[in-house]
Amino acid sequence: MTLRLTVDRDRWSAHVASYAAAIGSARLVAVVKGNGYGFGIDTLVPIAAQVSAALAVGTAHEAHRLGPVPDGVEVHVLTPSCQPLDVGPHVVLTIGHADHLPSLDGHTGAVSIKLRSSMRRYGATPEEVPRLVDAVHARGLEVCDHVLHLPLRSTSRTDDDQVAEIESWLAVLPAHAPVSVSHLTPSTFDALAHRHDDRRWRLRAGTALWHGDKSFVRLDADVVDVHPIAAGERAGYRLVPIDAPGHLIVVGAGSSQGVVPLADGRSPFHFRRTRLELLEPPHMHSAMCVVPAGAAVPARGEVVDVQRPLTTVQPDEVVWR
């Protein structure tokens, strides 16, 4: 049983290099948080250090689990905390409220101030920013940038909307204060930085940097068993009744690897471009699917495609080709 991520190394590497070059290593913050975007944090860190002068993780716990980080590479922790965080001086902590200030107790590195975007997640309001800046300086620490995490672009949210929100903050921030943003195309980011070249700008990128074109990667899982089943029989943990004859397919991937139904309840498994119907939600290490009579049936040892975001899965193997 295996959940397998296969990567076209040359095409993937070319995309990463091209995207990073479009931003510039000094302006790119390569995000490697969570599961390392499916590739694993340990895999991404050395690559991130080659293409950017800074990388970002989600939490201080992830920062502690990082392997060796090259000298001169900053590590940004994106999520604030209300508790003291024991991290090294090369780690940049984030605060977005006065209640996050205790996280700086004993800290000797730089600090990012998170701004409240239209996402309405954590972050300081315009009125709170000056007080947070003063509080950081009172501790003898440096504010290295102001961070704005924008909503995703969509049909109802254009690049112009993103830029307008960013520019609405500039009058609030200290003159020449560095700003770090997200969810902009390289060309839009470059135009913004040139228009306001009195500031230092950074772009945080994760999905756009590491995933690029989905044709670079394939997520699949092994078929571990196949057997016929008749209408009226029952199967699975919940002894689900079978409506029509066909085959039960047992796939070697489940919830422990992050393989769960899609948000609308549909199966994440496909064979020969046809979705396989789930008998019941995936178990920890396997999932049971029903293939109706007359449809293509995978054999034991064949693979089925898995439709899940790479940010939510834990592949057993990452194969580079």
C-alpha atoms as a PDB file:
ATOM      1  CA  MET A   1       0.000   0.000   0.000  1.00  0.00           C
ATOM      2  CA  THR A   2       1.435   3.344  -1.031  1.00  0.00           C
ATOM      3  CA  LEU A   3       0.324   6.901  -1.613  1.00  0.00           C
ATOM      4  CA  ARG A   4       2.830   8.124  -4.161  1.00  0.00           C
ATOM      5  CA  LEU A   5       3.693  11.602  -5.435  1.00  0.00           C
ATOM      6  CA  THR A   6       5.591  11.477  -8.732  1.00  0.00           C
ATOM      7  CA  VAL A   7       7.358  14.640  -9.884  1.00  0.00           C
ATOM      8  CA  ASP A   8       8.797  15.491 -13.288  1.00  0.00           C
ATOM      9  CA  ARG A   9      12.076  16.792 -11.860  1.00  0.00           C
ATOM     10  CA  ASP A  10      13.310  18.774 -14.861  1.00  0.00           C
ATOM     11  CA  ARG A  11      10.027  20.570 -15.574  1.00  0.00           C
ATOM     12  CA  TRP A  12       9.357  21.218 -11.899  1.00  0.00           C
ATOM     13  CA  SER A  13      12.871  22.560 -11.291  1.00  0.00           C
ATOM     14  CA  ALA A  14      12.642  24.774 -14.366  1.00  0.00           C
ATOM     15  CA  HIS A  15       9.358  26.245 -13.125  1.00  0.00           C
ATOM     16  CA  VAL A  16      10.745  26.941  -9.636  1.00  0.00           C
ATOM     17  CA  ALA A  17      13.851  28.611 -11.068  1.00  0.00           C
ATOM     18  CA  SER A  18      11.819  30.684 -13.529  1.00  0.00           C
ATOM     19  CA  TYR A  19       9.304  31.857 -10.928  1.00  0.00           C
ATOM     20  CA  ALA A  20      12.040  32.737  -8.426  1.00  0.00           C
ATOM     21  CA  ALA A  21      14.008  34.635 -11.061  1.00  0.00           C
ATOM     22  CA  ALA A  22      10.924  36.682 -11.948  1.00  0.00           C
ATOM     23  CA  ILE A  23      10.690  37.876  -8.337  1.00  0.00           C
ATOM     24  CA  GLY A  24      14.386  38.038  -7.423  1.00  0.00           C
ATOM     25  CA  SER A  25      16.025  36.181  -4.553  1.00  0.00           C
ATOM     26  CA  ALA A  26      16.227  39.279  -2.355  1.00  0.00           C
ATOM     27  CA  ARG A  27      12.480  39.912  -2.694  1.00  0.00           C
ATOM     28  CA  LEU A  28      11.166  36.340  -2.520  1.00  0.00           C
ATOM     29  CA  VAL A  29      10.093  34.649   0.707  1.00  0.00           C
ATOM     30  CA  ALA A  30       9.772  30.965  -0.144  1.00  0.00           C
ATOM     31  CA  VAL A  31       7.031  29.379   1.982  1.00  0.00           C
ATOM     32  CA  VAL A  32       7.770  25.790   3.053  1.00  0.00           C
ATOM     33  CA  LYS A  33       5.150  25.399   5.788  1.00  0.00           C
ATOM     34  CA  GLY A  34       2.927  22.486   6.781  1.00  0.00           C
ATOM     35  CA  ASN A  35       3.674  19.292   4.913  1.00  0.00           C
ATOM     36  CA  GLY A  36       6.107  21.071   2.622  1.00  0.00           C
ATOM     37  CA  TYR A  37       3.423  21.375  -0.061  1.00  0.00           C
ATOM     38  CA  GLY A  38       3.413  17.597  -0.426  1.00  0.00           C
ATOM     39  CA  PHE A  39       7.159  17.341  -1.090  1.00  0.00           C
ATOM     40  CA  GLY A  40       8.227  17.554   2.559  1.00  0.00           C
ATOM     41  CA  ILE A  41       9.804  20.493   4.378  1.00  0.00           C
ATOM     42  CA  ASP A  42      13.228  18.824   4.441  1.00  0.00           C
ATOM     43  CA  THR A  43      13.125  18.555   0.646  1.00  0.00           C
ATOM     44  CA  LEU A  44      12.114  22.171   0.077  1.00  0.00           C
ATOM     45  CA  VAL A  45      14.412  23.958   2.542  1.00  0.00           C
ATOM     46  CA  PRO A  46      17.687  23.564   0.596  1.00  0.00           C
ATOM     47  CA  ILE A  47      15.923  24.463  -2.652  1.00  0.00           C
ATOM     48  CA  ALA A  48      14.296  27.499  -1.031  1.00  0.00           C
ATOM     49  CA  ALA A  49      17.689  28.619   0.270  1.00  0.00           C
ATOM     50  CA  GLN A  50      19.071  28.525  -3.271  1.00  0.00           C
ATOM     51  CA  VAL A  51      16.369  30.742  -4.772  1.00  0.00           C
ATOM     52  CA  SER A  52      15.506  33.129  -1.925  1.00  0.00           C
ATOM     53  CA  ALA A  53      17.116  34.957   0.960  1.00  0.00           C
ATOM     54  CA  ALA A  54      14.249  34.063   3.284  1.00  0.00           C
ATOM     55  CA  LEU A  55      11.901  31.169   3.848  1.00  0.00           C
ATOM     56  CA  ALA A  56       8.724  30.907   5.880  1.00  0.00           C
ATOM     57  CA  VAL A  57       7.182  28.224   8.058  1.00  0.00           C
ATOM     58  CA  GLY A  58       3.758  28.156   9.649  1.00  0.00           C
ATOM     59  CA  THR A  59       4.651  27.875  13.326  1.00  0.00           C
ATOM     60  CA  ALA A  60       7.546  27.983  15.757  1.00  0.00           C
ATOM     61  CA  HIS A  61       7.162  24.209  16.092  1.00  0.00           C
ATOM     62  CA  GLU A  62       7.929  23.867  12.383  1.00  0.00           C
ATOM     63  CA  ALA A  63      10.919  26.180  12.803  1.00  0.00           C
ATOM     64  CA  HIS A  64      12.282  23.860  15.507  1.00  0.00           C
ATOM     65  CA  ARG A  65      11.920  20.858  13.195  1.00  0.00           C
ATOM     66  CA  LEU A  66      13.825  22.461  10.337  1.00  0.00           C
ATOM     67  CA  GLY A  67      17.095  20.905   9.343  1.00  0.00           C
ATOM     68  CA  PRO A  68      20.200  23.062   8.946  1.00  0.00           C
ATOM     69  CA  VAL A  69      19.451  26.407   7.312  1.00  0.00           C
ATOM     70  CA  PRO A  70      22.303  28.083   5.396  1.00  0.00           C
ATOM     71  CA  ASP A  71      23.894  31.122   7.019  1.00  0.00           C
ATOM     72  CA  GLY A  72      22.247  34.365   6.004  1.00  0.00           C
ATOM     73  CA  VAL A  73      18.843  32.830   5.281  1.00  0.00           C
ATOM     74  CA  GLU A  74      16.029  34.221   7.430  1.00  0.00           C
ATOM     75  CA  VAL A  75      13.299  31.945   8.742  1.00  0.00           C
ATOM     76  CA  HIS A  76       9.928  33.671   9.132  1.00  0.00           C
ATOM     77  CA  VAL A  77       7.272  32.204  11.440  1.00  0.00           C
ATOM     78  CA  LEU A  78       3.931  33.222   9.939  1.00  0.00           C
ATOM     79  CA  THR A  79       1.528  32.405  12.786  1.00  0.00           C
ATOM     80  CA  PRO A  80       1.527  34.570  15.932  1.00  0.00           C
ATOM     81  CA  SER A  81       1.492  33.141  19.444  1.00  0.00           C
ATOM     82  CA  CYS A  82       0.432  34.448  22.836  1.00  0.00           C
ATOM     83  CA  GLN A  83       3.157  32.434  24.584  1.00  0.00           C
ATOM     84  CA  PRO A  84       6.944  32.958  24.678  1.00  0.00           C
ATOM     85  CA  LEU A  85       8.686  31.229  21.771  1.00  0.00           C
ATOM     86  CA  ASP A  86      12.206  29.875  22.105  1.00  0.00           C
ATOM     87  CA  VAL A  87      13.729  30.353  18.656  1.00  0.00           C
ATOM     88  CA  GLY A  88      17.115  31.412  17.339  1.00  0.00           C
ATOM     89  CA  PRO A  89      18.155  34.933  16.327  1.00  0.00           C
ATOM     90  CA  HIS A  90      17.828  34.043  12.625  1.00  0.00           C
ATOM     91  CA  VAL A  91      14.087  33.440  13.137  1.00  0.00           C
ATOM     92  CA  VAL A  92      11.624  36.273  12.519  1.00  0.00           C
ATOM     93  CA  LEU A  93       8.535  36.133  14.740  1.00  0.00           C
ATOM     94  CA  THR A  94       5.156  37.575  13.738  1.00  0.00           C
ATOM     95  CA  ILE A  95       2.790  39.563  15.939  1.00  0.00           C
ATOM     96  CA  GLY A  96      -0.600  41.033  15.088  1.00  0.00           C
ATOM     97  CA  HIS A  97      -1.977  42.189  18.438  1.00  0.00           C
ATOM     98  CA  ALA A  98      -0.739  43.425  21.804  1.00  0.00           C
ATOM     99  CA  ASP A  99      -1.629  40.015  23.235  1.00  0.00           C
ATOM    100  CA  HIS A 100       1.050  38.504  20.974  1.00  0.00           C
ATOM    101  CA  LEU A 101       3.842  40.553  22.572  1.00  0.00           C
ATOM    102  CA  PRO A 102       4.645  37.880  25.219  1.00  0.00           C
ATOM    103  CA  SER A 103       5.860  35.675  22.356  1.00  0.00           C
ATOM    104  CA  LEU A 104       8.816  38.060  22.068  1.00  0.00           C
ATOM    105  CA  ASP A 105      10.026  37.471  25.643  1.00  0.00           C
ATOM    106  CA  GLY A 106      13.681  36.515  25.348  1.00  0.00           C
ATOM    107  CA  HIS A 107      13.653  36.879  21.562  1.00  0.00           C
ATOM    108  CA  THR A 108      16.700  38.523  19.988  1.00  0.00           C
ATOM    109  CA  GLY A 109      15.756  38.322  16.314  1.00  0.00           C
ATOM    110  CA  ALA A 110      13.640  40.542  14.106  1.00  0.00           C
ATOM    111  CA  VAL A 111       9.849  40.884  14.177  1.00  0.00           C
ATOM    112  CA  SER A 112       7.141  41.089  11.508  1.00  0.00           C
ATOM    113  CA  ILE A 113       3.911  42.941  12.177  1.00  0.00           C
ATOM    114  CA  LYS A 114       0.887  41.279  10.630  1.00  0.00           C
ATOM    115  CA  LEU A 115      -1.708  43.645   9.165  1.00  0.00           C
ATOM    116  CA  ARG A 116      -5.396  42.789   9.144  1.00  0.00           C
ATOM    117  CA  SER A 117      -6.430  42.243   5.538  1.00  0.00           C
ATOM    118  CA  SER A 118      -9.906  41.838   4.064  1.00  0.00           C
ATOM    119  CA  MET A 119      -9.607  38.151   4.981  1.00  0.00           C
ATOM    120  CA  ARG A 120     -10.302  39.383   8.546  1.00  0.00           C
ATOM    121  CA  ARG A 121      -7.958  36.819  10.005  1.00  0.00           C
ATOM    122  CA  TYR A 122      -5.423  37.780  12.689  1.00  0.00           C
ATOM    123  CA  GLY A 123      -3.592  41.066  12.216  1.00  0.00           C
ATOM    124  CA  ALA A 124      -3.359  44.616  13.506  1.00  0.00           C
ATOM    125  CA  THR A 125      -5.773  47.363  12.562  1.00  0.00           C
ATOM    126  CA  PRO A 126      -4.395  50.683  11.263  1.00  0.00           C
ATOM    127  CA  GLU A 127      -4.862  52.184  14.736  1.00  0.00           C
ATOM    128  CA  GLU A 128      -2.937  49.360  16.421  1.00  0.00           C
ATOM    129  CA  VAL A 129       0.110  49.373  14.135  1.00  0.00           C
ATOM    130  CA  PRO A 130       1.961  52.388  15.682  1.00  0.00           C
ATOM    131  CA  ARG A 131       1.511  50.989  19.189  1.00  0.00           C
ATOM    132  CA  LEU A 132       2.879  47.603  18.138  1.00  0.00           C
ATOM    133  CA  VAL A 133       5.868  49.209  16.412  1.00  0.00           C
ATOM    134  CA  ASP A 134       6.627  51.197  19.572  1.00  0.00           C
ATOM    135  CA  ALA A 135       6.269  48.086  21.740  1.00  0.00           C
ATOM    136  CA  VAL A 136       8.698  46.134  19.565  1.00  0.00           C
ATOM    137  CA  HIS A 137      11.231  48.977  19.612  1.00  0.00           C
ATOM    138  CA  ALA A 138      10.849  49.271  23.393  1.00  0.00           C
ATOM    139  CA  ARG A 139      12.093  45.699  23.633  1.00  0.00           C
ATOM    140  CA  GLY A 140      15.155  46.631  21.624  1.00  0.00           C
ATOM    141  CA  LEU A 141      13.992  44.624  18.610  1.00  0.00           C
ATOM    142  CA  GLU A 142      13.740  45.492  14.922  1.00  0.00           C
ATOM    143  CA  VAL A 143      10.553  45.474  12.846  1.00  0.00           C
ATOM    144  CA  CYS A 144      11.814  43.939   9.610  1.00  0.00           C
ATOM    145  CA  ASP A 145       8.554  44.144   7.670  1.00  0.00           C
ATOM    146  CA  HIS A 146       4.802  44.622   7.728  1.00  0.00           C
ATOM    147  CA  VAL A 147       2.949  41.576   6.444  1.00  0.00           C
ATOM    148  CA  LEU A 148      -0.308  41.628   4.489  1.00  0.00           C
ATOM    149  CA  HIS A 149      -1.901  38.278   3.648  1.00  0.00           C
ATOM    150  CA  LEU A 150      -4.468  38.835   0.919  1.00  0.00           C
ATOM    151  CA  PRO A 151      -7.443  36.729  -0.169  1.00  0.00           C
ATOM    152  CA  LEU A 152      -7.008  34.516  -3.204  1.00  0.00           C
ATOM    153  CA  ARG A 153      -7.501  36.061  -6.603  1.00  0.00           C
ATOM    154  CA  SER A 154     -10.713  34.934  -8.309  1.00  0.00           C
ATOM    155  CA  THR A 155     -13.256  35.994 -10.906  1.00  0.00           C
ATOM    156  CA  SER A 156     -14.592  38.478  -8.358  1.00  0.00           C
ATOM    157  CA  ARG A 157     -11.190  39.461  -6.927  1.00  0.00           C
ATOM    158  CA  THR A 158      -8.765  40.889  -9.478  1.00  0.00           C
ATOM    159  CA  ASP A 159      -5.128  41.956  -9.294  1.00  0.00           C
ATOM    160  CA  ASP A 160      -6.364  45.551  -9.236  1.00  0.00           C
ATOM    161  CA  ASP A 161      -8.374  44.754  -6.096  1.00  0.00           C
ATOM    162  CA  GLN A 162      -5.296  43.198  -4.484  1.00  0.00           C
ATOM    163  CA  VAL A 163      -3.127  46.205  -5.282  1.00  0.00           C
ATOM    164  CA  ALA A 164      -5.776  48.678  -4.107  1.00  0.00           C
ATOM    165  CA  GLU A 165      -5.926  46.964  -0.729  1.00  0.00           C
ATOM    166  CA  ILE A 166      -2.140  47.001  -0.399  1.00  0.00           C
ATOM    167  CA  GLU A 167      -1.877  50.662  -1.365  1.00  0.00           C
ATOM    168  CA  SER A 168      -4.598  51.621   1.122  1.00  0.00           C
ATOM    169  CA  TRP A 169      -2.177  50.615   3.880  1.00  0.00           C
ATOM    170  CA  LEU A 170       0.806  52.647   2.726  1.00  0.00           C
ATOM    171  CA  ALA A 171      -0.342  55.924   4.287  1.00  0.00           C
ATOM    172  CA  VAL A 172      -0.748  54.143   7.624  1.00  0.00           C
ATOM    173  CA  LEU A 173       2.674  52.509   7.750  1.00  0.00           C
ATOM    174  CA  PRO A 174       5.883  54.253   8.770  1.00  0.00           C
ATOM    175  CA  ALA A 175       7.678  55.959   5.894  1.00  0.00           C
ATOM    176  CA  HIS A 176       9.925  53.574   3.975  1.00  0.00           C
ATOM    177  CA  ALA A 177       8.745  50.626   6.111  1.00  0.00           C
ATOM    178  CA  PRO A 178       9.279  47.287   4.318  1.00  0.00           C
ATOM    179  CA  VAL A 179       6.113  45.474   3.222  1.00  0.00           C
ATOM    180  CA  SER A 180       5.589  41.762   2.559  1.00  0.00           C
ATOM    181  CA  VAL A 181       2.566  40.675   0.503  1.00  0.00           C
ATOM    182  CA  SER A 182       1.065  37.520  -0.967  1.00  0.00           C
ATOM    183  CA  HIS A 183      -1.181  36.269  -3.778  1.00  0.00           C
ATOM    184  CA  LEU A 184       0.103  38.569  -6.512  1.00  0.00           C
ATOM    185  CA  THR A 185       1.383  37.544  -9.921  1.00  0.00           C
ATOM    186  CA  PRO A 186       5.078  38.293 -10.475  1.00  0.00           C
ATOM    187  CA  SER A 187       4.260  41.021 -12.999  1.00  0.00           C
ATOM    188  CA  THR A 188       1.759  42.728 -10.692  1.00  0.00           C
ATOM    189  CA  PHE A 189       4.183  42.532  -7.787  1.00  0.00           C
ATOM    190  CA  ASP A 190       6.989  43.993  -9.899  1.00  0.00           C
ATOM    191  CA  ALA A 191       4.806  46.890 -11.035  1.00  0.00           C
ATOM    192  CA  LEU A 192       3.745  47.595  -7.442  1.00  0.00           C
ATOM    193  CA  ALA A 193       7.343  47.579  -6.215  1.00  0.00           C
ATOM    194  CA  HIS A 194       8.464  49.939  -8.980  1.00  0.00           C
ATOM    195  CA  ARG A 195       5.564  52.309  -8.336  1.00  0.00           C
ATOM    196  CA  HIS A 196       6.519  52.540  -4.651  1.00  0.00           C
ATOM    197  CA  ASP A 197      10.272  52.140  -4.876  1.00  0.00           C
ATOM    198  CA  ASP A 198      10.848  54.085  -1.651  1.00  0.00           C
ATOM    199  CA  ARG A 199      10.009  50.879   0.222  1.00  0.00           C
ATOM    200  CA  ARG A 200      11.488  47.411   0.343  1.00  0.00           C
ATOM    201  CA  TRP A 201       8.972  44.884  -0.984  1.00  0.00           C
ATOM    202  CA  ARG A 202       8.800  41.133  -0.551  1.00  0.00           C
ATOM    203  CA  LEU A 203       6.476  38.528  -2.020  1.00  0.00           C
ATOM    204  CA  ARG A 204       5.658  35.391  -0.052  1.00  0.00           C
ATOM    205  CA  ALA A 205       4.982  32.453  -2.340  1.00  0.00           C
ATOM    206  CA  GLY A 206       4.170  28.815  -1.699  1.00  0.00           C
ATOM    207  CA  THR A 207       1.605  27.269  -4.029  1.00  0.00           C
ATOM    208  CA  ALA A 208       2.630  29.399  -7.018  1.00  0.00           C
ATOM    209  CA  LEU A 209       6.311  28.632  -6.435  1.00  0.00           C
ATOM    210  CA  TRP A 210       6.174  24.899  -5.723  1.00  0.00           C
ATOM    211  CA  HIS A 211       3.135  23.660  -7.626  1.00  0.00           C
ATOM    212  CA  GLY A 212       3.006  25.704 -10.813  1.00  0.00           C
ATOM    213  CA  ASP A 213       1.479  23.611 -13.603  1.00  0.00           C
ATOM    214  CA  LYS A 214      -0.277  20.541 -12.175  1.00  0.00           C
ATOM    215  CA  SER A 215       1.023  18.485 -15.087  1.00  0.00           C
ATOM    216  CA  PHE A 216       4.411  18.436 -13.322  1.00  0.00           C
ATOM    217  CA  VAL A 217       3.095  16.109 -10.631  1.00  0.00           C
ATOM    218  CA  ARG A 218       0.916  13.036 -10.227  1.00  0.00           C
ATOM    219  CA  LEU A 219      -0.602  11.656  -7.035  1.00  0.00           C
ATOM    220  CA  ASP A 220      -1.648   8.006  -7.108  1.00  0.00           C
ATOM    221  CA  ALA A 221      -2.182   5.000  -4.864  1.00  0.00           C
ATOM    222  CA  ASP A 222      -1.824   1.241  -5.176  1.00  0.00           C
ATOM    223  CA  VAL A 223      -4.760  -1.129  -5.568  1.00  0.00           C
ATOM    224  CA  VAL A 224      -4.242  -3.794  -2.910  1.00  0.00           C
ATOM    225  CA  ASP A 225      -7.276  -6.001  -3.552  1.00  0.00           C
ATOM    226  CA  VAL A 226     -10.147  -6.541  -5.993  1.00  0.00           C
ATOM    227  CA  HIS A 227     -13.067  -8.921  -5.694  1.00  0.00           C
ATOM    228  CA  PRO A 228     -16.537  -9.334  -7.200  1.00  0.00           C
ATOM    229  CA  ILE A 229     -19.607  -8.534  -5.175  1.00  0.00           C
ATOM    230  CA  ALA A 230     -23.287  -9.182  -5.794  1.00  0.00           C
ATOM    231  CA  ALA A 231     -26.309  -6.958  -5.327  1.00  0.00           C
ATOM    232  CA  GLY A 232     -27.741  -7.289  -1.838  1.00  0.00           C
ATOM    233  CA  GLU A 233     -24.421  -8.177  -0.190  1.00  0.00           C
ATOM    234  CA  ARG A 234     -22.845  -5.897   2.381  1.00  0.00           C
ATOM    235  CA  ALA A 235     -19.277  -4.658   2.849  1.00  0.00           C
ATOM    236  CA  GLY A 236     -17.152  -2.196   4.785  1.00  0.00           C
ATOM    237  CA  TYR A 237     -16.927  -1.126   8.417  1.00  0.00           C
ATOM    238  CA  ARG A 238     -20.565  -0.113   8.323  1.00  0.00           C
ATOM    239  CA  LEU A 239     -21.708  -3.125   6.277  1.00  0.00           C
ATOM    240  CA  VAL A 240     -23.036  -0.887   3.530  1.00  0.00           C
ATOM    241  CA  PRO A 241     -25.579  -2.670   1.270  1.00  0.00           C
ATOM    242  CA  ILE A 242     -24.531  -3.136  -2.362  1.00  0.00           C
ATOM    243  CA  ASP A 243     -27.160  -1.905  -4.845  1.00  0.00           C
ATOM    244  CA  ALA A 244     -25.890  -3.585  -8.016  1.00  0.00           C
ATOM    245  CA  PRO A 245     -23.328  -6.229  -8.993  1.00  0.00           C
ATOM    246  CA  GLY A 246     -19.755  -5.195  -9.675  1.00  0.00           C
ATOM    247  CA  HIS A 247     -16.375  -5.236  -7.982  1.00  0.00           C
ATOM    248  CA  LEU A 248     -15.000  -3.926  -4.717  1.00  0.00           C
ATOM    249  CA  ILE A 249     -11.672  -2.138  -5.122  1.00  0.00           C
ATOM    250  CA  VAL A 250      -9.454  -1.708  -2.066  1.00  0.00           C
ATOM    251  CA  VAL A 251      -7.059   1.239  -2.461  1.00  0.00           C
ATOM    252  CA  GLY A 252      -4.002   1.508  -0.226  1.00  0.00           C
ATOM    253  CA  ALA A 253      -4.507   5.096   0.908  1.00  0.00           C
ATOM    254  CA  GLY A 254      -6.696   6.636   3.565  1.00  0.00           C
ATOM    255  CA  SER A 255      -7.268   9.282   6.175  1.00  0.00           C
ATOM    256  CA  SER A 256      -3.876   8.865   7.876  1.00  0.00           C
ATOM    257  CA  GLN A 257      -2.302  10.070   4.627  1.00  0.00           C
ATOM    258  CA  GLY A 258      -4.786  12.908   4.234  1.00  0.00           C
ATOM    259  CA  VAL A 259      -6.910  11.099   1.656  1.00  0.00           C
ATOM    260  CA  VAL A 260     -10.546  11.918   2.392  1.00  0.00           C
ATOM    261  CA  PRO A 261     -13.627  12.646   0.257  1.00  0.00           C
ATOM    262  CA  LEU A 262     -13.766  15.903  -1.667  1.00  0.00           C
ATOM    263  CA  ALA A 263     -15.555  18.841  -0.054  1.00  0.00           C
ATOM    264  CA  ASP A 264     -18.776  17.900  -1.859  1.00  0.00           C
ATOM    265  CA  GLY A 265     -18.536  14.278  -0.696  1.00  0.00           C
ATOM    266  CA  ARG A 266     -17.333  12.787  -3.981  1.00  0.00           C
ATOM    267  CA  SER A 267     -14.606  10.172  -4.201  1.00  0.00           C
ATOM    268  CA  PRO A 268     -11.019  11.381  -4.696  1.00  0.00           C
ATOM    269  CA  PHE A 269     -10.085   8.249  -6.709  1.00  0.00           C
ATOM    270  CA  HIS A 270     -10.017   7.910 -10.507  1.00  0.00           C
ATOM    271  CA  PHE A 271      -9.182   5.031 -12.832  1.00  0.00           C
ATOM    272  CA  ARG A 272      -8.759   5.687 -16.552  1.00  0.00           C
ATOM    273  CA  ARG A 273     -10.276   9.144 -16.089  1.00  0.00           C
ATOM    274  CA  THR A 274     -13.416   7.735 -14.455  1.00  0.00           C
ATOM    275  CA  ARG A 275     -14.242   8.529 -10.840  1.00  0.00           C
ATOM    276  CA  LEU A 276     -14.482   5.476  -8.584  1.00  0.00           C
ATOM    277  CA  GLU A 277     -17.453   5.601  -6.214  1.00  0.00           C
ATOM    278  CA  LEU A 278     -16.608   5.280  -2.536  1.00  0.00           C
ATOM    279  CA  LEU A 279     -18.364   2.545  -0.594  1.00  0.00           C
ATOM    280  CA  GLU A 280     -17.814   4.576   2.584  1.00  0.00           C
ATOM    281  CA  PRO A 281     -15.332   7.250   3.712  1.00  0.00           C
ATOM    282  CA  PRO A 282     -11.688   6.103   3.560  1.00  0.00           C
ATOM    283  CA  HIS A 283     -10.332   4.250   6.568  1.00  0.00           C
ATOM    284  CA  MET A 284      -6.957   5.114   8.080  1.00  0.00           C
ATOM    285  CA  HIS A 285      -4.827   3.243   5.543  1.00  0.00           C
ATOM    286  CA  SER A 286      -7.246   2.005   2.918  1.00  0.00           C
ATOM    287  CA  ALA A 287     -10.373   2.962   1.038  1.00  0.00           C
ATOM    288  CA  MET A 288     -13.082   0.786  -0.519  1.00  0.00           C
ATOM    289  CA  CYS A 289     -14.611   1.700  -3.869  1.00  0.00           C
ATOM    290  CA  VAL A 290     -17.393   0.098  -5.899  1.00  0.00           C
ATOM    291  CA  VAL A 291     -17.018  -0.401  -9.664  1.00  0.00           C
ATOM    292  CA  PRO A 292     -20.281  -1.323 -11.432  1.00  0.00           C
ATOM    293  CA  ALA A 293     -20.436  -4.335 -13.737  1.00  0.00           C
ATOM    294  CA  GLY A 294     -19.187  -3.534 -17.219  1.00  0.00           C
ATOM    295  CA  ALA A 295     -16.870  -0.705 -16.148  1.00  0.00           C
ATOM    296  CA  ALA A 296     -13.056  -0.887 -16.269  1.00  0.00           C
ATOM    297  CA  VAL A 297     -11.681  -2.620 -13.185  1.00  0.00           C
ATOM    298  CA  PRO A 298      -8.098  -2.058 -11.991  1.00  0.00           C
ATOM    299  CA  ALA A 299      -6.103  -5.150 -11.077  1.00  0.00           C
ATOM    300  CA  ARG A 300      -4.180  -5.741  -7.870  1.00  0.00           C
ATOM    301  CA  GLY A 301      -0.917  -3.837  -8.111  1.00  0.00           C
ATOM    302  CA  GLU A 302      -2.231  -1.240 -10.555  1.00  0.00           C
ATOM    303  CA  VAL A 303      -2.569   2.367  -9.474  1.00  0.00           C
ATOM    304  CA  VAL A 304      -5.467   4.790  -9.321  1.00  0.00           C
ATOM    305  CA  ASP A 305      -5.165   8.563  -9.478  1.00  0.00           C
ATOM    306  CA  VAL A 306      -5.867  10.500  -6.282  1.00  0.00           C
ATOM    307  CA  GLN A 307      -7.511  13.932  -6.397  1.00  0.00           C
ATOM    308  CA  ARG A 308      -6.457  15.779  -3.267  1.00  0.00           C
ATOM    309  CA  PRO A 309      -4.662  19.110  -2.673  1.00  0.00           C
ATOM    310  CA  LEU A 310      -0.962  18.427  -2.176  1.00  0.00           C
ATOM    311  CA  THR A 311      -1.007  20.721   0.863  1.00  0.00           C
ATOM    312  CA  THR A 312      -3.197  18.233   2.758  1.00  0.00           C
ATOM    313  CA  VAL A 313      -1.632  14.840   1.995  1.00  0.00           C
ATOM    314  CA  GLN A 314       1.264  12.856   3.438  1.00  0.00           C
ATOM    315  CA  PRO A 315       2.693  10.763   0.591  1.00  0.00           C
ATOM    316  CA  ASP A 316       4.487   7.566   1.534  1.00  0.00           C
ATOM    317  CA  GLU A 317       6.852   8.087  -1.380  1.00  0.00           C
ATOM    318  CA  VAL A 318       7.976  11.074  -3.428  1.00  0.00           C
ATOM    319  CA  VAL A 319       9.418   9.816  -6.711  1.00  0.00           C
ATOM    320  CA  TRP A 320      11.515  12.207  -8.803  1.00  0.00           C
ATOM    321  CA  ARG A 321      11.779  11.403 -12.502  1.00  0.00           C
END
